[in-house]
Amino acid sequence: METVFYTFCAYLPIHLLAYLPFLDILRFGKRWMALTVAGNLGIHLLGVAWVIALERPDLVPLVGFAMVPISLALYFLNIRLRPGKLLFTYVLLVNYQTIATGIAAFLAVRLLHTSARSWEGGLLCLLLFGLAWKPMYRLFRYAAEQVYRIDAPRLWRVIWLLPAVMSATVIVLTGGAQDQLAQSWQFLVSRAGLLLCVVLVYWVLVSSLEGIRRQTILQEQLNFEAHLLELQAEEQKKHSRLMLEHEEQLRRQRHDLRHQLAAIQQLADTHPARLKEYVASLLEAIPAAPRTYCGNPAVNAVVSYYAGRLEEEDAEVQIRLSLPERVEGVTDGELCILFGNLLENAMEACGRMGPGPRFVRLDGEIRSGVLTITMDNSFDGQAVREHGRYRSSKRSEPGVGLTSIQAVARKHGGDARFETEGTVFRSSLYLRTDI
């Protein structure tokens, strides 16, 4: 019975410590986790009780080894994390248990003159776990956070081998918790040396992984900045094309104006009665002056262009913008990426529709240092969503326009959201202008 008690004391703290750092990413919840831990420990205790009943205490370590694949399977089942990462933390726990049970065995045999798997040995295990609980939990929690945050599949598939080989070497050289070996100083020094090596190796490894993670984040930021520059260059090309189109239109209008003035002069000399009718027709043909939607010239130019195109396609356009001439913290190029992509997508969506009402409703304002933009537009109701992103109608992969909008918003501490409701496509985003 005392061997069963010792097994309970030696393994219960490890089971608890294995799951506590991952309570926020449990796959089936805390209740299921508690049931699996209790069931795992219960099977282990039953196995130990069975070999003791057979009068084969030498098989107790084999029962522990046989429980390893069961414990690992339940560990992988309960926690939503890659197997390589979980294996890394599991080996850390095995190392810690090897150290704690080894020191408890040394104290039980050397000082208390009792068996390593006695009642006293079990209580010593609980005592050692209790004394080291807080610092070891902090170490495991820190290691778990780094493991959870760093995504390096190839590394996690092999890195667990380093602590596993260390632990296996110490166990082979010092044996199990056998009374004759456990009372030697060599046994204690080996287990204590394992503790030191484990702490150092994990600390250096986790610190190195943190450095790798920061470098990865920095590289992603650099890639994002480069992508954003490409988007701004593309938007600038669009604006240049708009200016060329307007210049060409003005050139044609100047050319037509010369002919119109010549016709007016001719009618004034020969047919004065028809002159009034001709001038009236010219007045009706004069295009309306560009509308002013907001104080920012770049945004106003982009919005005016797409609003005109939408109205040419008989779409109902409602635009309400409240933007100053200069938006602090956000470049005009970034603003043009936001409004240009939103309206371009809306124009393309309306163009793909069959008979029926077409509309675009765009609102944007700045309040308390936050720019908020919302837009609803009609579309044909056919939207394909893959991996959280809407697929472009112009190509087979996810659309770049919506991704660009989201990238600009996130750069400035905000985010963007896109969703559909029937034949209405809803876009909403916010970003901070005071950072």
Protein backbone atom coordinates (compact mmCIF):
# COMPACT_ATOMS: atom_id res chain seq x y z
CA MET A 1 0.00 0.00 0.00
CA GLU A 2 2.85 2.36 0.77
CA THR A 3 4.20 1.97 -2.80
CA VAL A 4 0.79 3.00 -4.15
CA PHE A 5 0.82 6.02 -1.81
CA TYR A 6 4.34 6.89 -2.94
CA THR A 7 3.28 6.70 -6.60
CA PHE A 8 0.34 8.99 -5.90
CA CYS A 9 2.58 11.56 -4.18
CA ALA A 10 5.25 11.38 -6.88
CA TYR A 11 2.96 11.74 -9.90
CA LEU A 12 0.00 13.94 -8.84
CA PRO A 13 2.01 17.24 -8.67
CA ILE A 14 3.52 16.57 -12.09
CA HIS A 15 0.12 15.96 -13.65
CA LEU A 16 -1.15 19.25 -12.22
CA LEU A 17 1.95 21.17 -13.23
CA ALA A 18 1.68 19.78 -16.77
CA TYR A 19 -1.74 21.34 -17.40
CA LEU A 20 -1.78 24.55 -15.34
CA PRO A 21 0.24 26.65 -17.84
CA PHE A 22 -2.17 25.70 -20.64
CA LEU A 23 -5.58 26.22 -19.02
CA ASP A 24 -6.47 28.90 -21.57
CA ILE A 25 -5.96 26.61 -24.58
CA LEU A 26 -7.64 23.41 -23.39
CA ARG A 27 -9.49 21.63 -26.17
CA PHE A 28 -12.43 20.29 -24.12
CA GLY A 29 -12.44 22.42 -20.98
CA LYS A 30 -11.25 22.08 -17.40
CA ARG A 31 -13.77 19.42 -16.35
CA TRP A 32 -12.70 17.01 -19.08
CA MET A 33 -9.06 17.74 -18.27
CA ALA A 34 -9.65 16.90 -14.59
CA LEU A 35 -11.39 13.66 -15.54
CA THR A 36 -8.56 12.55 -17.83
CA VAL A 37 -5.92 13.40 -15.21
CA ALA A 38 -7.84 11.45 -12.56
CA GLY A 39 -8.34 8.52 -14.93
CA ASN A 40 -4.67 8.51 -15.95
CA LEU A 41 -3.48 8.58 -12.36
CA GLY A 42 -6.06 5.93 -11.38
CA ILE A 43 -4.83 3.53 -14.08
CA HIS A 44 -1.26 4.10 -12.93
CA LEU A 45 -2.13 3.35 -9.30
CA LEU A 46 -4.07 0.23 -10.29
CA GLY A 47 -1.08 -0.99 -12.29
CA VAL A 48 1.25 -0.46 -9.32
CA ALA A 49 -1.19 -2.20 -6.97
CA TRP A 50 -1.41 -5.15 -9.37
CA VAL A 51 2.35 -5.77 -9.60
CA ILE A 52 2.64 -5.39 -5.80
CA ALA A 53 -0.11 -8.00 -5.41
CA LEU A 54 1.92 -10.27 -7.66
CA GLU A 55 4.86 -9.67 -5.30
CA ARG A 56 6.88 -8.13 -8.11
CA PRO A 57 7.89 -4.67 -6.80
CA ASP A 58 10.73 -4.66 -9.34
CA LEU A 59 8.08 -4.10 -12.03
CA VAL A 60 6.89 -0.79 -10.55
CA PRO A 61 9.27 1.30 -12.76
CA LEU A 62 8.04 -0.63 -15.82
CA VAL A 63 4.47 0.36 -14.98
CA GLY A 64 5.64 3.99 -14.94
CA PHE A 65 7.31 3.62 -18.34
CA ALA A 66 4.19 1.93 -19.74
CA MET A 67 2.10 4.93 -18.65
CA VAL A 68 4.24 7.38 -20.64
CA PRO A 69 2.48 6.86 -24.03
CA ILE A 70 -0.93 7.01 -22.32
CA SER A 71 -0.03 10.26 -20.55
CA LEU A 72 1.34 11.73 -23.79
CA ALA A 73 -1.77 10.76 -25.75
CA LEU A 74 -4.04 12.44 -23.18
CA TYR A 75 -1.72 15.46 -23.11
CA PHE A 76 -1.96 15.84 -26.89
CA LEU A 77 -5.72 15.29 -26.75
CA ASN A 78 -6.43 17.91 -24.09
CA ILE A 79 -4.23 20.82 -25.22
CA ARG A 80 -4.61 22.68 -28.53
CA LEU A 81 -0.91 22.86 -29.37
CA ARG A 82 1.43 21.20 -31.85
CA PRO A 83 2.71 17.78 -30.68
CA GLY A 84 6.34 18.92 -30.94
CA LYS A 85 5.72 21.81 -28.56
CA LEU A 86 3.84 19.63 -26.09
CA LEU A 87 6.57 16.99 -26.22
CA PHE A 88 9.13 19.67 -25.38
CA THR A 89 7.24 20.74 -22.24
CA TYR A 90 6.47 17.12 -21.31
CA VAL A 91 10.16 16.18 -21.30
CA LEU A 92 10.81 19.22 -19.10
CA LEU A 93 8.29 17.85 -16.60
CA VAL A 94 9.83 14.38 -16.73
CA ASN A 95 13.23 15.89 -15.97
CA TYR A 96 11.83 17.80 -13.03
CA GLN A 97 10.11 14.69 -11.68
CA THR A 98 13.32 12.68 -12.05
CA ILE A 99 15.17 15.29 -10.02
CA ALA A 100 12.53 15.68 -7.29
CA THR A 101 11.93 11.96 -6.77
CA GLY A 102 15.67 11.30 -6.79
CA ILE A 103 16.35 13.84 -4.04
CA ALA A 104 13.38 12.50 -2.05
CA ALA A 105 14.75 8.95 -2.40
CA PHE A 106 18.20 10.04 -1.20
CA LEU A 107 16.75 11.76 1.88
CA ALA A 108 14.45 8.83 2.69
CA VAL A 109 17.21 6.22 2.50
CA ARG A 110 20.14 8.26 3.81
CA LEU A 111 18.51 10.25 6.61
CA LEU A 112 15.33 8.38 7.52
CA HIS A 113 16.76 4.90 6.92
CA THR A 114 13.64 3.75 5.09
CA SER A 115 12.77 2.58 1.58
CA ALA A 116 12.70 5.10 -1.25
CA ARG A 117 9.06 4.12 -2.04
CA SER A 118 7.88 4.21 1.55
CA TRP A 119 5.29 6.38 3.27
CA GLU A 120 8.09 8.74 4.27
CA GLY A 121 9.42 8.80 0.70
CA GLY A 122 6.00 9.82 -0.59
CA LEU A 123 5.66 12.59 1.99
CA LEU A 124 9.15 13.83 1.11
CA CYS A 125 8.12 14.00 -2.55
CA LEU A 126 5.10 16.13 -1.62
CA LEU A 127 7.27 18.32 0.61
CA LEU A 128 9.87 18.92 -2.12
CA PHE A 129 7.20 19.63 -4.71
CA GLY A 130 5.52 22.04 -2.32
CA LEU A 131 8.73 23.93 -1.53
CA ALA A 132 9.68 24.25 -5.20
CA TRP A 133 6.14 24.77 -6.48
CA LYS A 134 6.20 28.53 -6.98
CA PRO A 135 9.59 28.93 -8.74
CA MET A 136 9.08 25.82 -10.87
CA TYR A 137 5.58 26.92 -11.87
CA ARG A 138 6.99 30.29 -12.94
CA LEU A 139 9.66 28.53 -14.99
CA PHE A 140 7.11 26.23 -16.63
CA ARG A 141 4.72 29.10 -17.22
CA TYR A 142 7.43 31.18 -18.85
CA ALA A 143 8.55 28.23 -20.98
CA ALA A 144 4.94 27.47 -21.96
CA GLU A 145 4.34 31.09 -23.03
CA GLN A 146 7.43 31.06 -25.23
CA VAL A 147 6.51 27.67 -26.65
CA TYR A 148 2.99 28.90 -27.40
CA ARG A 149 4.15 32.14 -29.06
CA ILE A 150 7.01 30.86 -31.22
CA ASP A 151 6.03 29.04 -34.40
CA ALA A 152 8.97 26.98 -35.70
CA PRO A 153 7.65 23.49 -36.66
CA ARG A 154 11.02 22.04 -37.70
CA LEU A 155 12.64 23.18 -34.48
CA TRP A 156 9.93 21.75 -32.21
CA ARG A 157 10.06 18.39 -33.95
CA VAL A 158 13.66 17.77 -32.80
CA ILE A 159 14.50 20.17 -29.95
CA TRP A 160 12.87 17.92 -27.33
CA LEU A 161 15.62 15.37 -27.98
CA LEU A 162 18.19 17.50 -26.12
CA PRO A 163 16.58 17.36 -22.65
CA ALA A 164 15.34 13.82 -23.31
CA VAL A 165 18.88 12.56 -23.91
CA MET A 166 20.10 14.37 -20.78
CA SER A 167 17.39 12.78 -18.64
CA ALA A 168 17.91 9.30 -20.11
CA THR A 169 21.66 9.53 -19.51
CA VAL A 170 21.23 10.42 -15.83
CA ILE A 171 18.64 7.66 -15.28
CA VAL A 172 20.86 5.03 -16.93
CA LEU A 173 23.94 6.07 -14.96
CA THR A 174 22.22 6.41 -11.58
CA GLY A 175 19.53 3.77 -12.00
CA GLY A 176 16.01 4.14 -10.64
CA ALA A 177 15.07 5.01 -7.11
CA GLN A 178 16.63 1.83 -5.74
CA ASP A 179 17.64 1.88 -2.10
CA GLN A 180 21.26 0.83 -2.63
CA LEU A 181 21.91 3.46 -5.27
CA ALA A 182 19.70 6.19 -3.82
CA GLN A 183 21.78 6.51 -0.62
CA SER A 184 25.04 7.32 -2.45
CA TRP A 185 26.32 10.87 -2.86
CA GLN A 186 26.98 10.10 -6.51
CA PHE A 187 23.24 9.56 -6.95
CA LEU A 188 22.42 12.91 -5.32
CA VAL A 189 25.11 14.85 -7.22
CA SER A 190 23.93 13.33 -10.52
CA ARG A 191 20.31 14.28 -9.92
CA ALA A 192 21.27 17.76 -8.67
CA GLY A 193 23.53 18.18 -11.70
CA LEU A 194 20.61 17.26 -13.91
CA LEU A 195 18.56 19.98 -12.23
CA LEU A 196 21.24 22.58 -12.92
CA CYS A 197 21.69 21.47 -16.52
CA VAL A 198 17.95 21.42 -17.17
CA VAL A 199 17.47 24.94 -15.82
CA LEU A 200 20.42 26.31 -17.76
CA VAL A 201 19.57 24.54 -21.01
CA TYR A 202 15.92 25.57 -20.92
CA TRP A 203 16.71 29.13 -19.90
CA VAL A 204 19.26 29.58 -22.70
CA LEU A 205 17.03 27.81 -25.21
CA VAL A 206 13.89 29.77 -24.36
CA SER A 207 15.82 33.06 -24.33
CA SER A 208 17.24 32.21 -27.75
CA LEU A 209 13.76 31.41 -29.03
CA GLU A 210 12.56 34.77 -27.76
CA GLY A 211 15.34 36.44 -29.76
CA ILE A 212 14.29 34.46 -32.83
CA ARG A 213 10.68 35.51 -32.30
CA ARG A 214 11.63 39.19 -32.09
CA GLN A 215 13.70 38.91 -35.25
CA THR A 216 10.77 37.25 -37.00
CA ILE A 217 8.44 40.05 -35.90
CA LEU A 218 10.93 42.66 -37.11
CA GLN A 219 11.24 40.89 -40.47
CA GLU A 220 7.46 40.78 -40.78
CA GLN A 221 7.30 44.51 -40.04
CA LEU A 222 9.93 45.21 -42.70
CA ASN A 223 8.04 43.04 -45.19
CA PHE A 224 4.83 44.89 -44.35
CA GLU A 225 6.47 48.29 -44.83
CA ALA A 226 7.82 47.17 -48.20
CA HIS A 227 4.37 45.88 -49.18
CA LEU A 228 2.79 49.14 -48.07
CA LEU A 229 5.24 51.14 -50.19
CA GLU A 230 4.30 49.01 -53.17
CA LEU A 231 0.62 49.69 -52.51
CA GLN A 232 1.25 53.42 -52.22
CA ALA A 233 3.21 53.36 -55.48
CA GLU A 234 0.31 51.56 -57.15
CA GLU A 235 -2.15 54.11 -55.79
CA GLN A 236 0.09 56.89 -57.08
CA LYS A 237 0.02 55.29 -60.52
CA LYS A 238 -3.78 55.25 -60.35
CA HIS A 239 -3.83 58.94 -59.44
CA SER A 240 -1.43 59.70 -62.28
CA ARG A 241 -3.74 57.90 -64.70
CA LEU A 242 -6.69 59.91 -63.37
CA MET A 243 -4.79 63.16 -63.90
CA LEU A 244 -3.86 62.11 -67.45
CA GLU A 245 -7.49 61.27 -68.15
CA HIS A 246 -8.59 64.66 -66.81
CA GLU A 247 -5.91 66.43 -68.83
CA GLU A 248 -7.00 64.62 -71.96
CA GLN A 249 -10.58 65.56 -71.24
CA LEU A 250 -9.62 69.23 -70.82
CA ARG A 251 -7.67 69.09 -74.09
CA ARG A 252 -10.73 67.78 -75.91
CA GLN A 253 -12.92 70.39 -74.26
CA ARG A 254 -10.55 73.20 -75.33
CA HIS A 255 -10.56 71.79 -78.87
CA ASP A 256 -14.34 71.61 -78.89
CA LEU A 257 -14.59 75.10 -77.41
CA ARG A 258 -12.82 76.62 -80.40
CA HIS A 259 -15.34 75.03 -82.76
CA GLN A 260 -18.22 76.08 -80.52
CA LEU A 261 -17.03 79.71 -80.41
CA ALA A 262 -16.67 79.72 -84.19
CA ALA A 263 -20.22 78.38 -84.50
CA ILE A 264 -21.49 81.07 -82.10
CA GLN A 265 -19.79 83.78 -84.15
CA GLN A 266 -21.25 82.37 -87.38
CA LEU A 267 -24.76 82.14 -85.93
CA ALA A 268 -24.51 85.69 -84.54
CA ASP A 269 -23.80 86.99 -88.06
CA THR A 270 -26.21 84.83 -90.05
CA HIS A 271 -28.93 83.34 -87.80
CA PRO A 272 -29.32 85.39 -84.60
CA ALA A 273 -32.61 83.64 -83.78
CA ARG A 274 -30.91 80.23 -83.56
CA LEU A 275 -28.06 81.55 -81.41
CA LYS A 276 -30.09 81.50 -78.19
CA GLU A 277 -31.13 77.88 -78.79
CA TYR A 278 -27.54 76.82 -79.52
CA VAL A 279 -26.17 78.51 -76.36
CA ALA A 280 -28.86 76.79 -74.27
CA SER A 281 -27.79 73.39 -75.61
CA LEU A 282 -24.17 74.14 -74.75
CA LEU A 283 -25.12 75.09 -71.17
CA GLU A 284 -26.92 71.78 -70.71
CA ALA A 285 -23.86 69.88 -71.95
CA ILE A 286 -21.46 71.50 -69.47
CA PRO A 287 -20.52 68.81 -66.86
CA ALA A 288 -21.26 69.47 -63.23
CA ALA A 289 -18.45 70.80 -61.08
CA PRO A 290 -16.62 68.21 -58.92
CA ARG A 291 -18.18 67.74 -55.52
CA THR A 292 -16.36 68.41 -52.28
CA TYR A 293 -16.77 65.48 -49.94
CA CYS A 294 -14.14 66.39 -47.34
CA GLY A 295 -11.29 68.78 -46.65
CA ASN A 296 -8.51 66.35 -47.62
CA PRO A 297 -7.63 66.99 -51.31
CA ALA A 298 -6.23 63.51 -51.99
CA VAL A 299 -9.20 61.69 -50.48
CA ASN A 300 -11.62 64.07 -52.15
CA ALA A 301 -10.06 63.40 -55.57
CA VAL A 302 -10.28 59.63 -55.15
CA VAL A 303 -13.82 59.67 -53.78
CA SER A 304 -15.02 62.11 -56.48
CA TYR A 305 -13.65 59.90 -59.23
CA TYR A 306 -15.27 56.68 -58.02
CA ALA A 307 -18.51 58.44 -57.07
CA GLY A 308 -18.76 59.74 -60.65
CA ARG A 309 -18.10 56.28 -62.08
CA LEU A 310 -20.71 54.73 -59.80
CA GLU A 311 -23.34 57.29 -60.78
CA GLU A 312 -22.62 56.57 -64.45
CA GLU A 313 -23.61 52.96 -63.69
CA ASP A 314 -26.90 54.16 -62.15
CA ALA A 315 -25.83 53.38 -58.59
CA GLU A 316 -27.28 55.34 -55.70
CA VAL A 317 -24.31 56.96 -53.94
CA GLN A 318 -24.45 58.38 -50.42
CA ILE A 319 -21.18 59.71 -49.04
CA ARG A 320 -20.67 61.51 -45.73
CA LEU A 321 -17.07 62.27 -44.82
CA SER A 322 -15.65 64.49 -42.11
CA LEU A 323 -11.89 64.64 -42.63
CA PRO A 324 -9.56 67.61 -42.16
CA GLU A 325 -7.11 68.79 -44.79
CA ARG A 326 -4.32 66.89 -43.04
CA VAL A 327 -4.88 63.74 -40.97
CA GLU A 328 -2.13 63.55 -38.36
CA GLY A 329 -0.26 60.27 -38.15
CA VAL A 330 -1.68 58.88 -41.42
CA THR A 331 -0.24 59.69 -44.84
CA ASP A 332 -2.38 60.73 -47.79
CA GLY A 333 -1.15 57.61 -49.58
CA GLU A 334 -2.50 55.37 -46.82
CA LEU A 335 -5.83 57.19 -46.85
CA CYS A 336 -6.05 56.72 -50.61
CA ILE A 337 -5.37 52.99 -50.14
CA LEU A 338 -8.32 52.79 -47.74
CA PHE A 339 -10.89 54.81 -49.68
CA GLY A 340 -9.63 53.80 -53.13
CA ASN A 341 -9.80 50.05 -52.46
CA LEU A 342 -13.17 50.30 -50.71
CA LEU A 343 -14.81 52.23 -53.56
CA GLU A 344 -13.06 50.26 -56.31
CA ASN A 345 -14.36 47.00 -54.81
CA ALA A 346 -17.84 48.51 -54.49
CA MET A 347 -17.77 49.70 -58.13
CA GLU A 348 -16.72 46.26 -59.35
CA ALA A 349 -19.40 44.59 -57.18
CA CYS A 350 -22.12 46.87 -58.57
CA GLY A 351 -20.86 46.26 -62.12
CA ARG A 352 -21.27 42.48 -61.71
CA MET A 353 -24.89 42.79 -60.61
CA GLY A 354 -27.82 42.04 -62.85
CA PRO A 355 -31.05 44.05 -62.87
CA GLY A 356 -31.89 45.57 -59.53
CA PRO A 357 -31.05 48.48 -57.25
CA ARG A 358 -27.37 49.34 -56.83
CA PHE A 359 -26.10 51.47 -53.99
CA VAL A 360 -23.02 52.55 -52.08
CA ARG A 361 -23.19 54.20 -48.65
CA LEU A 362 -19.86 55.47 -47.31
CA ASP A 363 -19.29 57.21 -43.97
CA GLY A 364 -16.05 58.36 -42.38
CA GLU A 365 -15.13 60.58 -39.46
CA ILE A 366 -12.48 61.21 -36.82
CA ARG A 367 -13.43 61.29 -33.16
CA SER A 368 -11.10 61.28 -30.16
CA GLY A 369 -8.13 60.44 -32.34
CA VAL A 370 -9.80 57.46 -34.04
CA LEU A 371 -10.68 57.37 -37.73
CA THR A 372 -13.76 55.22 -38.34
CA ILE A 373 -14.90 54.23 -41.84
CA THR A 374 -17.99 52.18 -42.68
CA MET A 375 -19.38 51.28 -46.08
CA ASP A 376 -22.32 49.20 -47.30
CA ASN A 377 -22.65 48.32 -50.96
CA SER A 378 -24.83 46.02 -53.01
CA PHE A 379 -23.41 42.95 -54.73
CA ASP A 380 -24.66 39.81 -56.44
CA GLY A 381 -24.61 37.77 -53.22
CA GLN A 382 -21.87 35.45 -54.48
CA ALA A 383 -18.94 35.68 -52.06
CA VAL A 384 -16.36 32.94 -51.44
CA ARG A 385 -14.49 33.06 -48.14
CA GLU A 386 -11.23 31.11 -47.72
CA HIS A 387 -9.06 31.08 -44.58
CA GLY A 388 -10.89 34.11 -43.20
CA ARG A 389 -10.44 36.15 -46.41
CA TYR A 390 -12.82 36.83 -49.32
CA ARG A 391 -11.58 35.49 -52.63
CA SER A 392 -11.19 38.03 -55.41
CA SER A 393 -13.59 37.87 -58.35
CA LYS A 394 -10.71 38.80 -60.68
CA ARG A 395 -8.41 35.95 -59.69
CA SER A 396 -8.52 32.59 -57.92
CA GLU A 397 -6.59 33.65 -54.81
CA PRO A 398 -7.86 35.86 -51.94
CA GLY A 399 -8.31 39.53 -52.86
CA VAL A 400 -5.48 41.95 -52.26
CA GLY A 401 -7.64 45.06 -51.80
CA LEU A 402 -9.31 43.98 -48.57
CA THR A 403 -5.99 42.64 -47.24
CA SER A 404 -4.36 46.01 -47.96
CA ILE A 405 -7.12 47.82 -46.08
CA GLN A 406 -6.66 45.54 -43.09
CA ALA A 407 -2.87 45.95 -43.21
CA VAL A 408 -3.07 49.76 -43.10
CA ALA A 409 -5.61 49.65 -40.26
CA ARG A 410 -3.49 47.27 -38.17
CA LYS A 411 -0.36 49.34 -38.76
CA HIS A 412 -2.08 52.21 -36.95
CA GLY A 413 -3.39 50.16 -34.04
CA GLY A 414 -6.77 49.34 -35.56
CA ASP A 415 -8.42 46.60 -37.59
CA ALA A 416 -10.89 45.99 -40.40
CA ARG A 417 -13.89 43.71 -40.70
CA PHE A 418 -15.79 42.52 -43.78
CA GLU A 419 -19.02 40.56 -43.78
CA THR A 420 -22.01 39.84 -45.98
CA GLU A 421 -25.74 39.96 -45.32
CA GLY A 422 -27.79 38.74 -48.24
CA THR A 423 -26.86 41.00 -51.17
CA VAL A 424 -25.20 43.64 -48.98
CA PHE A 425 -21.44 43.69 -48.43
CA ARG A 426 -20.50 45.49 -45.20
CA SER A 427 -17.05 46.97 -44.57
CA SER A 428 -15.96 48.61 -41.34
CA LEU A 429 -12.57 49.68 -40.07
CA TYR A 430 -10.92 51.90 -37.54
CA LEU A 431 -7.42 53.17 -36.91
CA ARG A 432 -5.75 55.53 -34.49
CA THR A 433 -4.47 58.87 -35.74
CA ASP A 434 -2.76 59.93 -32.50
CA ILE A 435 0.08 57.36 -32.45
